[in-house]
Amino acid sequence: MNDTHPEIEKKMLELLSAMSPLERLHKTGRLYASGKYFAEMAVKKRLPDLSGITLQIEIFKWMHQSELQDFDMTKIEDHLLNSR
């Protein structure tokens, strides 16, 4: 679903195109870090007793739940828990 007005999308593409690759990488990194921070706050609010690897797994699941199918998430979680 794309709910961005076409003029806004055009302006955003112009702004991104004007940036150097390093600037785009920096902006993307900051955006990812912000998203991870908010995901961590949401997980901690829902599951306040988690810590360590189990907290990190829940943050990962929160951030990537729409991109990965459930069976993939289970495989990833099993790998992370058993590879330590």
Protein backbone atom coordinates (compact mmCIF):
# COMPACT_ATOMS: atom_id res chain seq x y z
CA MET A 1 0.00 0.00 0.00
CA ASN A 2 1.32 3.41 -0.90
CA ASP A 3 -0.52 6.31 0.70
CA THR A 4 2.08 8.93 -0.19
CA HIS A 5 0.79 11.77 -2.36
CA PRO A 6 2.53 11.69 -5.78
CA GLU A 7 3.94 15.22 -5.37
CA ILE A 8 5.44 14.33 -1.99
CA GLU A 9 6.91 11.14 -3.41
CA LYS A 10 8.41 13.09 -6.32
CA LYS A 11 9.98 15.61 -3.91
CA MET A 12 11.39 12.82 -1.73
CA LEU A 13 12.97 11.15 -4.77
CA GLU A 14 14.50 14.49 -5.80
CA LEU A 15 15.95 14.96 -2.30
CA LEU A 16 17.34 11.42 -2.21
CA SER A 17 18.80 11.74 -5.71
CA ALA A 18 20.61 14.92 -4.69
CA MET A 19 22.38 13.13 -1.81
CA SER A 20 25.69 11.37 -2.16
CA PRO A 21 25.76 7.61 -1.59
CA LEU A 22 27.43 8.23 1.78
CA GLU A 23 24.68 10.65 2.81
CA ARG A 24 21.99 8.14 1.77
CA LEU A 25 23.75 5.40 3.72
CA HIS A 26 23.98 7.63 6.79
CA LYS A 27 20.27 8.58 6.59
CA THR A 28 19.28 4.93 6.10
CA GLY A 29 21.37 3.89 9.09
CA ARG A 30 19.77 6.54 11.29
CA LEU A 31 16.30 5.53 10.13
CA TYR A 32 17.03 1.86 10.90
CA ALA A 33 18.41 2.76 14.33
CA SER A 34 15.29 4.79 15.11
CA GLY A 35 13.06 1.92 14.03
CA LYS A 36 15.02 -0.52 16.17
CA TYR A 37 14.77 1.80 19.17
CA PHE A 38 10.99 2.05 18.84
CA ALA A 39 10.69 -1.71 18.34
CA GLU A 40 12.74 -2.25 21.51
CA MET A 41 10.48 0.10 23.47
CA ALA A 42 7.38 -1.72 22.21
CA VAL A 43 8.80 -5.15 23.10
CA LYS A 44 9.95 -3.99 26.54
CA LYS A 45 6.53 -2.54 27.24
CA ARG A 46 4.83 -5.80 26.25
CA LEU A 47 7.43 -8.15 27.77
CA PRO A 48 9.30 -6.21 30.49
CA ASP A 49 11.15 -9.22 31.95
CA LEU A 50 13.07 -10.10 28.77
CA SER A 51 16.79 -9.47 28.46
CA GLY A 52 19.80 -10.65 26.51
CA ILE A 53 19.36 -12.80 23.43
CA THR A 54 15.65 -13.40 24.06
CA LEU A 55 15.04 -9.64 24.06
CA GLN A 56 17.08 -9.24 20.87
CA ILE A 57 15.13 -12.04 19.18
CA GLU A 58 11.81 -10.43 20.08
CA ILE A 59 13.03 -7.07 18.75
CA PHE A 60 14.11 -8.78 15.52
CA LYS A 61 10.73 -10.50 15.23
CA TRP A 62 8.90 -7.20 15.84
CA MET A 63 10.93 -5.43 13.16
CA HIS A 64 10.76 -8.16 10.50
CA GLN A 65 7.44 -9.87 11.14
CA SER A 66 5.89 -8.63 7.90
CA GLU A 67 8.89 -9.64 5.76
CA LEU A 68 9.42 -13.20 6.94
CA GLN A 69 7.01 -16.07 7.11
CA ASP A 70 6.33 -17.70 10.47
CA PHE A 71 8.35 -20.82 9.68
CA ASP A 72 11.37 -18.67 8.78
CA MET A 73 11.08 -16.81 12.07
CA THR A 74 11.07 -20.08 14.01
CA LYS A 75 14.19 -21.29 12.16
CA ILE A 76 15.96 -18.00 12.84
CA GLU A 77 15.01 -18.06 16.52
CA ASP A 78 16.16 -21.68 16.90
CA HIS A 79 19.46 -20.88 15.21
CA LEU A 80 20.11 -17.85 17.42
CA LEU A 81 19.28 -19.72 20.61
CA ASN A 82 21.30 -22.82 19.73
CA SER A 83 24.38 -21.24 18.14
CA ARG A 84 25.69 -19.72 21.35
